[in-house]
Amino acid sequence: MTGPLCAARHWQHPDTLCTELTGHDQADETPHAGLLIIDGREAGHITWNEPEETP
């Protein structure tokens, strides 16, 4: 079974989109993951969590 993709953008590389299924990060256990895109070119794979907010 497949569903919609998360598609969250990486905070430093906005062309990099998460290719995990929507809702994967609700338990804060599974990071975002996808192809790393830099200057329009595929540069490998990456996993990431959202950066922590500083007060």
N, C-alpha and C. Protein backbone atom coordinates (compact mmCIF):
# COMPACT_ATOMS: atom_id res chain seq x y z
N MET A 1 0.84 -1.18 0.00
CA MET A 1 0.00 0.00 0.00
C MET A 1 0.89 1.24 0.00
N THR A 2 0.53 2.21 -0.79
CA THR A 2 1.28 3.47 -0.86
C THR A 2 0.36 4.62 -0.51
N GLY A 3 0.94 5.71 -0.14
CA GLY A 3 0.17 6.89 0.20
C GLY A 3 0.92 8.13 -0.25
N PRO A 4 0.41 9.29 0.13
CA PRO A 4 1.09 10.53 -0.25
C PRO A 4 2.44 10.66 0.45
N LEU A 5 3.37 11.32 -0.22
CA LEU A 5 4.69 11.52 0.35
C LEU A 5 4.72 12.73 1.26
N CYS A 6 5.62 12.71 2.22
CA CYS A 6 5.78 13.80 3.19
C CYS A 6 6.14 15.10 2.46
N ALA A 7 7.17 15.08 1.63
CA ALA A 7 7.62 16.21 0.81
C ALA A 7 8.11 17.42 1.63
N ALA A 8 8.49 17.20 2.90
CA ALA A 8 9.06 18.29 3.68
C ALA A 8 10.39 18.70 3.06
N ARG A 9 10.65 19.99 3.02
CA ARG A 9 11.91 20.49 2.45
C ARG A 9 13.01 20.48 3.50
N HIS A 10 14.23 20.19 3.07
CA HIS A 10 15.36 20.28 3.97
C HIS A 10 15.62 21.74 4.25
N TRP A 11 15.91 22.09 5.49
CA TRP A 11 16.05 23.49 5.89
C TRP A 11 17.25 24.18 5.27
N GLN A 12 18.31 23.46 4.86
CA GLN A 12 19.47 24.10 4.21
C GLN A 12 19.47 23.88 2.70
N HIS A 13 18.82 22.84 2.24
CA HIS A 13 18.79 22.51 0.81
C HIS A 13 17.33 22.40 0.38
N PRO A 14 16.66 23.51 0.09
CA PRO A 14 15.22 23.51 -0.16
C PRO A 14 14.77 22.71 -1.39
N ASP A 15 15.69 22.34 -2.28
CA ASP A 15 15.31 21.48 -3.41
C ASP A 15 15.24 20.01 -2.99
N THR A 16 15.72 19.70 -1.79
CA THR A 16 15.71 18.35 -1.26
C THR A 16 14.38 18.11 -0.55
N LEU A 17 13.61 17.13 -1.01
CA LEU A 17 12.30 16.84 -0.45
C LEU A 17 12.30 15.46 0.20
N CYS A 18 11.55 15.33 1.28
CA CYS A 18 11.41 14.05 1.96
C CYS A 18 10.55 13.11 1.11
N THR A 19 11.02 11.89 0.91
CA THR A 19 10.30 10.91 0.11
C THR A 19 9.68 9.81 0.98
N GLU A 20 9.62 10.03 2.30
CA GLU A 20 8.93 9.10 3.20
C GLU A 20 7.43 9.36 3.10
N LEU A 21 6.63 8.42 3.59
CA LEU A 21 5.18 8.59 3.57
C LEU A 21 4.74 9.66 4.57
N THR A 22 3.67 10.35 4.26
CA THR A 22 3.12 11.36 5.15
C THR A 22 2.86 10.76 6.53
N GLY A 23 3.22 11.50 7.58
CA GLY A 23 2.98 11.06 8.94
C GLY A 23 4.10 10.25 9.55
N HIS A 24 5.16 9.98 8.80
CA HIS A 24 6.26 9.15 9.30
C HIS A 24 6.95 9.76 10.51
N ASP A 25 6.94 11.07 10.65
CA ASP A 25 7.69 11.75 11.70
C ASP A 25 6.84 12.12 12.92
N GLN A 26 5.63 11.63 13.00
CA GLN A 26 4.75 11.99 14.11
C GLN A 26 5.28 11.50 15.45
N ALA A 27 5.97 10.40 15.49
CA ALA A 27 6.49 9.87 16.75
C ALA A 27 7.89 10.40 17.05
N ASP A 28 8.41 11.29 16.21
CA ASP A 28 9.75 11.85 16.37
C ASP A 28 10.83 10.77 16.41
N GLU A 29 10.56 9.63 15.79
CA GLU A 29 11.53 8.54 15.77
C GLU A 29 12.11 8.32 14.38
N THR A 30 11.39 8.69 13.36
CA THR A 30 11.82 8.46 11.99
C THR A 30 12.16 9.80 11.34
N PRO A 31 13.43 10.01 10.97
CA PRO A 31 13.79 11.29 10.36
C PRO A 31 13.27 11.40 8.93
N HIS A 32 13.31 12.60 8.41
CA HIS A 32 13.01 12.81 6.99
C HIS A 32 14.13 12.17 6.19
N ALA A 33 13.86 11.77 4.96
CA ALA A 33 14.88 11.15 4.11
C ALA A 33 14.54 11.40 2.65
N GLY A 34 15.58 11.53 1.83
CA GLY A 34 15.36 11.71 0.41
C GLY A 34 16.67 11.91 -0.32
N LEU A 35 16.56 12.23 -1.60
CA LEU A 35 17.74 12.51 -2.41
C LEU A 35 18.24 13.91 -2.09
N LEU A 36 19.52 14.06 -1.89
CA LEU A 36 20.12 15.36 -1.64
C LEU A 36 20.31 16.06 -2.97
N ILE A 37 19.67 17.22 -3.13
CA ILE A 37 19.74 18.01 -4.37
C ILE A 37 20.48 19.31 -4.05
N ILE A 38 21.60 19.53 -4.74
CA ILE A 38 22.38 20.76 -4.57
C ILE A 38 22.59 21.36 -5.95
N ASP A 39 22.20 22.62 -6.11
CA ASP A 39 22.31 23.33 -7.40
C ASP A 39 21.68 22.53 -8.53
N GLY A 40 20.51 21.92 -8.24
CA GLY A 40 19.77 21.20 -9.27
C GLY A 40 20.33 19.83 -9.61
N ARG A 41 21.35 19.39 -8.89
CA ARG A 41 21.96 18.08 -9.18
C ARG A 41 21.82 17.15 -8.00
N GLU A 42 21.58 15.89 -8.31
CA GLU A 42 21.52 14.86 -7.28
C GLU A 42 22.92 14.64 -6.72
N ALA A 43 23.06 14.76 -5.38
CA ALA A 43 24.37 14.66 -4.75
C ALA A 43 24.42 13.54 -3.71
N GLY A 44 23.51 12.59 -3.80
CA GLY A 44 23.49 11.48 -2.85
C GLY A 44 22.16 11.42 -2.11
N HIS A 45 22.17 10.75 -0.97
CA HIS A 45 20.99 10.61 -0.13
C HIS A 45 21.24 11.30 1.21
N ILE A 46 20.16 11.71 1.86
CA ILE A 46 20.30 12.41 3.14
C ILE A 46 19.12 12.06 4.04
N THR A 47 19.38 12.02 5.33
CA THR A 47 18.33 11.96 6.34
C THR A 47 18.51 13.16 7.24
N TRP A 48 17.39 13.69 7.77
CA TRP A 48 17.49 14.87 8.62
C TRP A 48 16.28 14.99 9.53
N ASN A 49 16.51 15.68 10.61
CA ASN A 49 15.45 16.09 11.52
C ASN A 49 15.31 17.60 11.39
N GLU A 50 14.18 18.11 11.79
CA GLU A 50 14.01 19.56 11.77
C GLU A 50 14.96 20.17 12.78
N PRO A 51 15.55 21.32 12.47
CA PRO A 51 16.45 21.96 13.44
C PRO A 51 15.67 22.38 14.68
N GLU A 52 16.32 22.29 15.83
CA GLU A 52 15.67 22.69 17.07
C GLU A 52 15.60 24.21 17.15
N GLU A 53 14.45 24.69 17.60
CA GLU A 53 14.27 26.14 17.73
C GLU A 53 14.99 26.62 18.98
N THR A 54 15.63 27.76 18.86
CA THR A 54 16.30 28.35 20.02
C THR A 54 15.43 29.50 20.53
N PRO A 55 15.30 29.61 21.84
CA PRO A 55 14.43 30.67 22.39
C PRO A 55 15.01 32.06 22.19
